[in-house]
Amino acid sequence: MYKLSDRQAQDIVDKMMQDIPYNINIMNEQGIIIGSGNARRIGTVHQGAVAALQTGTMVEVWQDGRLEKKGTNEPIVINGQRIGVIGISGDPDEVRPFCNLVRTTVTLLIEQRSRLESLAHEANRKKAFLEQLLRYTGSAYPPRMRREATEYGLDLLLCTTVLLVRRLRLDEHTARLLLQFPSFQQTSEQDDMQLIFVQHEAELPSLLDTLRHRQPQAQLTIGRSEFLIAHSYAQAHDTMNVLLALQPDTSFATYDQLQFIIQFGQSVTTSHNPVVKLEEHADLLQTLRSFIFHNGSIHDTALVLNIHRNTLQYRLKRIQAITGRDPRQWLELIELTHGLLAMYFAP
């Protein structure tokens, strides 16, 4: 149902009066002026508008009255519904030529705003459904959820693999690709993630190949094929946490590949995490991550970081001084690795 708000009406009046050299009034479905170039008239009942609403045709007023001015009053009709009236003050013979122009423009503005509001409502509805879907861990989906899921192309009676994509660039080709799969955007304080739900395993290899080829900057992780989407999502999300924590050279990983590391990062430890002290030292965090993924090799780490071996040794000593753990000692490097993971798996 279309309905004019006071603010919407005044915005329209302000825009139209930049081009029309007459005062414009907009009345609501009751004939009350809710937008006007003359602020003193707002809130008053316009009898010409009331008559226009009753008849559904233009009403012309030829003499000024106590609460109305001479001019034309044209009903605003959208989908057969009379939602208000446009009034142009002035001699009807002079302002009549502007009536169709103003009415058409106002109708388009109202319909445009209504569409935008409808899109916003649908986006909120989709977001609420996604949040419900990712939290649901019951034994079976209720019929109501199954019905709503079909609106987004999901069959909750099938197993689903969740693909999580970070740093996705939505070009035309990628947009067309995503239309082939149920997908949702998830916005957080840190990142925007695209969730893609694959319910036919045969489609997964081609999808992954295309995304990895056309989106080299993106990070992709996938969970297992699960009956409950929340389970596959949690796996893909945990896998992404490993990529964010350790920042390996790869931008793609599966839950099965990193399951042990995920469980290692989630394991209970003391409340003291030595790596937290490195948060303000980006160069040392980068050095630690590279040292881990190059198996503690001084040569390979210095080469990848493009620094001298002595500079690397200095950084490793700085890490030891700040954290109290020496990354050159195997057991202490394991503890530092766990600390990096724990920063991203914190409850």
Protein backbone atom coordinates (compact mmCIF):
# COMPACT_ATOMS: atom_id res chain seq x y z
CA MET A 1 0.00 0.00 0.00
CA TYR A 2 1.37 3.40 -1.01
CA LYS A 3 1.34 6.14 1.60
CA LEU A 4 2.76 9.65 1.57
CA SER A 5 4.82 10.67 4.59
CA ASP A 6 5.10 14.31 5.66
CA ARG A 7 8.83 14.35 4.97
CA GLN A 8 8.44 12.72 1.58
CA ALA A 9 5.76 15.24 0.59
CA GLN A 10 7.87 18.24 1.62
CA ASP A 11 10.93 16.86 -0.18
CA ILE A 12 8.89 16.54 -3.36
CA VAL A 13 7.50 20.07 -3.01
CA ASP A 14 10.98 21.50 -2.50
CA LYS A 15 12.29 19.71 -5.62
CA MET A 16 9.33 20.66 -7.84
CA MET A 17 9.29 24.33 -6.83
CA GLN A 18 12.83 24.70 -8.15
CA ASP A 19 11.31 24.41 -11.66
CA ILE A 20 7.66 25.49 -11.25
CA PRO A 21 7.06 29.24 -10.61
CA TYR A 22 3.95 28.63 -8.47
CA ASN A 23 3.32 27.44 -4.94
CA ILE A 24 2.79 23.69 -4.74
CA ASN A 25 0.88 21.83 -2.03
CA ILE A 26 0.70 18.12 -1.43
CA MET A 27 -2.26 16.75 0.51
CA ASN A 28 -2.54 13.28 2.04
CA GLU A 29 -5.37 10.78 1.57
CA GLN A 30 -7.55 12.84 3.93
CA GLY A 31 -7.01 16.13 2.12
CA ILE A 32 -4.71 17.56 4.81
CA ILE A 33 -1.78 19.62 3.52
CA ILE A 34 1.44 17.80 4.49
CA GLY A 35 3.88 19.52 2.14
CA SER A 36 3.80 23.11 0.91
CA GLY A 37 5.87 26.03 -0.29
CA ASN A 38 3.91 28.02 2.30
CA ALA A 39 4.74 26.51 5.69
CA ARG A 40 1.75 28.23 7.34
CA ARG A 41 -0.68 26.08 5.35
CA ILE A 42 0.74 22.73 6.52
CA GLY A 43 -1.72 20.86 8.73
CA THR A 44 -4.85 22.53 7.33
CA VAL A 45 -7.61 20.72 5.42
CA HIS A 46 -7.89 21.66 1.74
CA GLN A 47 -11.51 21.35 0.65
CA GLY A 48 -10.58 21.29 -3.01
CA ALA A 49 -8.33 18.30 -2.28
CA VAL A 50 -11.13 16.56 -0.37
CA ALA A 51 -13.41 16.97 -3.40
CA ALA A 52 -10.69 15.68 -5.75
CA LEU A 53 -10.23 12.59 -3.58
CA GLN A 54 -13.95 11.93 -3.57
CA THR A 55 -14.43 12.31 -7.32
CA GLY A 56 -11.05 11.05 -8.53
CA THR A 57 -10.84 13.96 -10.96
CA MET A 58 -9.20 17.38 -11.03
CA VAL A 59 -10.96 20.07 -9.02
CA GLU A 60 -10.35 23.71 -9.88
CA VAL A 61 -10.81 26.51 -7.34
CA TRP A 62 -11.46 29.92 -8.88
CA GLN A 63 -11.56 32.13 -5.78
CA ASP A 64 -9.38 32.35 -2.68
CA GLY A 65 -11.04 31.12 0.51
CA ARG A 66 -10.11 31.25 4.17
CA LEU A 67 -8.18 27.95 4.10
CA GLU A 68 -7.60 27.46 0.39
CA LYS A 69 -6.26 29.38 -2.57
CA LYS A 70 -7.45 29.34 -6.14
CA GLY A 71 -5.71 26.82 -8.32
CA THR A 72 -5.88 23.22 -9.48
CA ASN A 73 -6.09 20.05 -7.38
CA GLU A 74 -5.20 16.80 -9.08
CA PRO A 75 -5.54 13.44 -7.30
CA ILE A 76 -2.41 11.24 -7.10
CA VAL A 77 -3.51 7.75 -8.20
CA ILE A 78 -1.10 4.79 -8.08
CA ASN A 79 -2.38 1.31 -8.96
CA GLY A 80 -5.93 2.55 -8.62
CA GLN A 81 -5.33 3.89 -5.11
CA ARG A 82 -5.90 7.59 -4.38
CA ILE A 83 -3.05 8.38 -2.02
CA GLY A 84 -3.13 12.17 -2.07
CA VAL A 85 -3.57 15.32 -4.09
CA ILE A 86 -1.25 17.73 -5.87
CA GLY A 87 -2.31 21.36 -5.64
CA ILE A 88 -0.85 24.24 -7.67
CA SER A 89 -1.81 27.71 -6.50
CA GLY A 90 -2.68 30.32 -9.11
CA ASP A 91 -5.16 31.12 -11.82
CA PRO A 92 -6.37 27.70 -13.09
CA ASP A 93 -5.93 28.77 -16.71
CA GLU A 94 -2.27 29.59 -15.98
CA VAL A 95 -1.32 26.59 -13.81
CA ARG A 96 -3.36 23.93 -15.60
CA PRO A 97 -0.57 23.22 -18.18
CA PHE A 98 1.74 22.25 -15.31
CA CYS A 99 -0.70 19.75 -13.75
CA ASN A 100 0.19 16.68 -15.81
CA LEU A 101 3.91 17.40 -15.56
CA VAL A 102 3.80 17.79 -11.79
CA ARG A 103 1.49 14.82 -11.25
CA THR A 104 3.62 12.51 -13.43
CA THR A 105 6.85 13.61 -11.76
CA VAL A 106 5.39 13.20 -8.29
CA THR A 107 3.99 9.76 -9.14
CA LEU A 108 7.40 8.63 -10.42
CA LEU A 109 9.15 9.95 -7.29
CA ILE A 110 6.67 8.17 -5.02
CA GLU A 111 6.95 4.90 -6.95
CA GLN A 112 10.75 5.13 -6.93
CA ARG A 113 10.85 5.70 -3.19
CA SER A 114 8.40 2.88 -2.65
CA ARG A 115 10.59 0.52 -4.67
CA LEU A 116 13.67 1.54 -2.69
CA GLU A 117 11.82 0.97 0.58
CA SER A 118 10.64 -2.40 -0.71
CA LEU A 119 14.20 -3.39 -1.64
CA ALA A 120 15.44 -2.31 1.79
CA HIS A 121 12.69 -4.35 3.44
CA GLU A 122 13.57 -7.41 1.37
CA ALA A 123 17.29 -6.98 2.19
CA ASN A 124 16.45 -6.86 5.92
CA ARG A 125 14.20 -9.89 5.56
CA LYS A 126 16.90 -11.82 3.72
CA LYS A 127 19.48 -10.86 6.35
CA ALA A 128 17.18 -12.00 9.17
CA PHE A 129 16.57 -15.32 7.45
CA LEU A 130 20.29 -15.86 6.90
CA GLU A 131 21.04 -15.20 10.56
CA GLN A 132 18.33 -17.66 11.55
CA LEU A 133 19.68 -20.25 9.12
CA LEU A 134 23.27 -19.92 10.38
CA ARG A 135 22.16 -20.28 14.00
CA TYR A 136 19.80 -23.21 13.53
CA THR A 137 21.18 -26.48 14.87
CA GLY A 138 18.04 -28.53 15.44
CA SER A 139 17.63 -32.07 14.20
CA ALA A 140 15.45 -31.03 11.24
CA TYR A 141 14.30 -27.79 9.66
CA PRO A 142 10.71 -26.80 10.46
CA PRO A 143 8.27 -26.48 7.50
CA ARG A 144 8.15 -22.68 7.85
CA MET A 145 11.94 -22.39 7.31
CA ARG A 146 11.80 -24.82 4.39
CA ARG A 147 9.11 -22.73 2.71
CA GLU A 148 11.00 -19.47 3.18
CA ALA A 149 14.24 -21.06 1.97
CA THR A 150 12.64 -21.91 -1.38
CA GLU A 151 12.21 -18.15 -2.00
CA TYR A 152 16.03 -17.95 -2.06
CA GLY A 153 16.54 -21.06 -4.18
CA LEU A 154 17.40 -23.36 -1.26
CA ASP A 155 16.08 -26.87 -0.67
CA LEU A 156 16.63 -27.58 3.02
CA LEU A 157 16.03 -31.28 2.46
CA LEU A 158 19.36 -31.45 0.58
CA CYS A 159 22.88 -31.36 2.00
CA THR A 160 24.68 -28.06 1.46
CA THR A 161 28.29 -26.99 1.10
CA VAL A 162 29.01 -23.42 2.21
CA LEU A 163 31.61 -21.46 0.30
CA LEU A 164 32.83 -18.33 2.07
CA VAL A 165 34.44 -15.60 -0.06
CA ARG A 166 36.32 -12.61 1.33
CA ARG A 167 37.41 -9.58 -0.76
CA LEU A 168 35.04 -10.44 -3.61
CA ARG A 169 34.91 -7.89 -6.44
CA LEU A 170 31.44 -7.99 -7.91
CA ASP A 171 31.95 -7.52 -11.65
CA GLU A 172 29.35 -8.38 -14.28
CA HIS A 173 30.64 -11.92 -14.88
CA THR A 174 30.77 -12.73 -11.16
CA ALA A 175 27.27 -11.31 -10.65
CA ARG A 176 25.93 -13.63 -13.35
CA LEU A 177 27.78 -16.54 -11.77
CA LEU A 178 26.28 -15.87 -8.34
CA LEU A 179 22.77 -15.86 -9.81
CA GLN A 180 23.23 -19.59 -10.44
CA PHE A 181 23.56 -20.31 -6.70
CA PRO A 182 21.77 -19.26 -3.52
CA SER A 183 24.04 -16.59 -2.06
CA PHE A 184 23.99 -14.06 0.75
CA GLN A 185 26.18 -11.15 1.74
CA GLN A 186 27.26 -11.03 5.36
CA THR A 187 28.52 -7.70 6.67
CA SER A 188 30.59 -7.43 9.84
CA GLU A 189 32.71 -4.73 11.43
CA GLN A 190 35.84 -6.25 9.88
CA ASP A 191 34.80 -7.54 6.45
CA ASP A 192 32.09 -8.20 3.93
CA MET A 193 31.77 -11.89 3.20
CA GLN A 194 29.85 -13.56 0.39
CA LEU A 195 28.24 -16.86 1.34
CA ILE A 196 27.53 -19.21 -1.56
CA PHE A 197 25.47 -22.34 -0.95
CA VAL A 198 26.15 -25.32 -3.23
CA GLN A 199 23.66 -28.18 -3.06
CA HIS A 200 24.94 -30.23 -6.00
CA GLU A 201 28.51 -31.36 -5.45
CA ALA A 202 29.17 -31.71 -9.19
CA GLU A 203 28.86 -27.92 -9.54
CA LEU A 204 31.50 -27.12 -6.93
CA PRO A 205 34.75 -27.70 -8.90
CA SER A 206 33.67 -25.44 -11.78
CA LEU A 207 32.52 -22.72 -9.37
CA LEU A 208 35.82 -22.82 -7.47
CA ASP A 209 37.90 -22.77 -10.65
CA THR A 210 36.00 -19.76 -12.00
CA LEU A 211 36.23 -17.77 -8.79
CA ARG A 212 39.91 -18.52 -8.26
CA HIS A 213 40.69 -17.57 -11.86
CA ARG A 214 38.60 -14.37 -12.02
CA GLN A 215 39.02 -13.29 -8.38
CA PRO A 216 42.74 -13.80 -7.59
CA GLN A 217 42.59 -11.26 -4.75
CA ALA A 218 39.76 -13.12 -2.97
CA GLN A 219 40.13 -15.58 -0.12
CA LEU A 220 37.94 -18.68 -0.40
CA THR A 221 37.18 -21.35 2.16
CA ILE A 222 34.67 -24.20 2.11
CA GLY A 223 33.08 -26.44 4.70
CA ARG A 224 31.89 -29.99 4.25
CA SER A 225 28.62 -30.98 2.65
CA GLU A 226 26.24 -31.06 5.63
CA PHE A 227 22.52 -31.47 6.22
CA LEU A 228 22.57 -28.48 8.57
CA ILE A 229 23.87 -25.36 6.83
CA ALA A 230 25.03 -23.97 10.17
CA HIS A 231 27.55 -26.80 10.46
CA SER A 232 29.07 -26.25 7.01
CA TYR A 233 29.12 -22.49 7.60
CA ALA A 234 30.93 -22.90 10.94
CA GLN A 235 33.54 -25.06 9.22
CA ALA A 236 34.07 -22.56 6.38
CA HIS A 237 34.18 -19.70 8.89
CA ASP A 238 36.76 -21.45 11.08
CA THR A 239 38.85 -22.20 8.01
CA MET A 240 38.75 -18.52 7.04
CA ASN A 241 39.90 -17.66 10.57
CA VAL A 242 43.03 -19.74 10.01
CA LEU A 243 43.80 -17.85 6.79
CA LEU A 244 43.29 -14.55 8.61
CA ALA A 245 45.36 -15.60 11.61
CA LEU A 246 48.35 -17.16 9.90
CA GLN A 247 48.13 -15.49 6.46
CA PRO A 248 49.67 -18.32 4.49
CA ASP A 249 50.70 -17.99 0.86
CA THR A 250 47.49 -19.68 -0.31
CA SER A 251 44.14 -17.89 -0.66
CA PHE A 252 42.07 -21.09 -0.75
CA ALA A 253 41.55 -23.79 1.85
CA THR A 254 39.04 -26.44 2.82
CA TYR A 255 37.95 -27.42 6.28
CA ASP A 256 39.30 -30.94 5.78
CA GLN A 257 42.76 -29.53 5.00
CA LEU A 258 42.91 -27.40 8.14
CA GLN A 259 40.76 -29.35 10.59
CA PHE A 260 43.66 -30.17 12.91
CA ILE A 261 44.92 -26.57 12.93
CA ILE A 262 41.38 -25.34 13.63
CA GLN A 263 40.99 -27.69 16.56
CA PHE A 264 44.46 -26.73 17.73
CA GLY A 265 43.51 -23.05 17.68
CA GLN A 266 40.28 -23.72 19.53
CA SER A 267 41.93 -25.83 22.23
CA VAL A 268 41.80 -24.54 25.79
CA THR A 269 44.92 -22.88 27.06
CA THR A 270 45.89 -20.37 29.70
CA SER A 271 44.27 -16.95 29.59
CA HIS A 272 47.68 -15.40 28.88
CA ASN A 273 48.35 -15.14 25.15
CA PRO A 274 51.87 -13.83 24.46
CA VAL A 275 51.09 -12.95 20.81
CA VAL A 276 48.59 -10.27 21.87
CA LYS A 277 51.60 -8.13 22.78
CA LEU A 278 52.57 -8.06 19.08
CA GLU A 279 49.32 -6.47 17.87
CA GLU A 280 50.92 -3.03 17.71
CA HIS A 281 53.94 -4.36 15.80
CA ALA A 282 52.68 -5.21 12.29
CA ASP A 283 56.17 -5.98 10.98
CA LEU A 284 56.81 -8.49 13.75
CA LEU A 285 53.45 -10.21 13.20
CA GLN A 286 54.22 -10.47 9.49
CA THR A 287 57.64 -11.86 10.30
CA LEU A 288 56.23 -14.44 12.71
CA ARG A 289 53.62 -15.62 10.21
CA SER A 290 56.20 -15.97 7.44
CA PHE A 291 58.64 -17.76 9.78
CA ILE A 292 55.92 -20.28 10.68
CA PHE A 293 54.95 -21.01 7.08
CA HIS A 294 58.56 -21.37 5.98
CA ASN A 295 59.20 -23.99 8.63
CA GLY A 296 61.52 -21.81 10.67
CA SER A 297 63.93 -21.34 7.77
CA ILE A 298 66.02 -18.19 8.18
CA HIS A 299 67.02 -18.25 4.51
CA ASP A 300 63.51 -18.71 3.04
CA THR A 301 61.83 -16.26 5.42
CA ALA A 302 64.39 -13.51 4.77
CA LEU A 303 64.06 -14.13 1.02
CA VAL A 304 60.25 -13.87 1.03
CA LEU A 305 60.25 -10.79 3.28
CA ASN A 306 63.03 -9.25 1.17
CA ILE A 307 65.15 -8.43 4.21
CA HIS A 308 68.72 -9.27 5.26
CA ARG A 309 69.27 -12.32 7.42
CA ASN A 310 70.61 -10.08 10.17
CA THR A 311 67.42 -8.00 10.03
CA LEU A 312 65.38 -11.19 10.39
CA GLN A 313 67.47 -12.30 13.36
CA TYR A 314 66.91 -8.90 14.96
CA ARG A 315 63.15 -9.19 14.46
CA LEU A 316 63.06 -12.70 15.93
CA LYS A 317 64.93 -11.45 19.00
CA ARG A 318 62.41 -8.58 19.27
CA ILE A 319 59.57 -11.11 19.18
CA GLN A 320 61.27 -13.04 21.98
CA ALA A 321 61.79 -9.87 24.03
CA ILE A 322 58.16 -8.78 23.69
CA THR A 323 56.40 -12.15 24.06
CA GLY A 324 58.83 -14.03 26.25
CA ARG A 325 58.82 -16.85 23.65
CA ASP A 326 61.68 -17.55 21.25
CA PRO A 327 60.36 -18.45 17.76
CA ARG A 328 63.68 -20.17 17.02
CA GLN A 329 62.86 -22.79 19.65
CA TRP A 330 60.51 -25.42 18.20
CA LEU A 331 58.22 -25.83 21.23
CA GLU A 332 57.99 -22.09 21.80
CA LEU A 333 57.21 -21.55 18.10
CA ILE A 334 54.29 -23.97 18.53
CA GLU A 335 53.05 -21.85 21.42
CA LEU A 336 53.34 -18.68 19.33
CA THR A 337 51.47 -20.38 16.48
CA HIS A 338 48.70 -21.32 18.89
CA GLY A 339 48.63 -17.74 20.14
CA LEU A 340 48.11 -16.41 16.62
CA LEU A 341 45.23 -18.83 16.06
CA ALA A 342 43.69 -18.15 19.45
CA MET A 343 43.40 -14.44 18.61
CA TYR A 344 40.91 -15.39 15.87
CA PHE A 345 39.14 -18.22 17.68
CA ALA A 346 38.54 -16.32 20.91
CA PRO A 347 35.03 -16.97 22.27
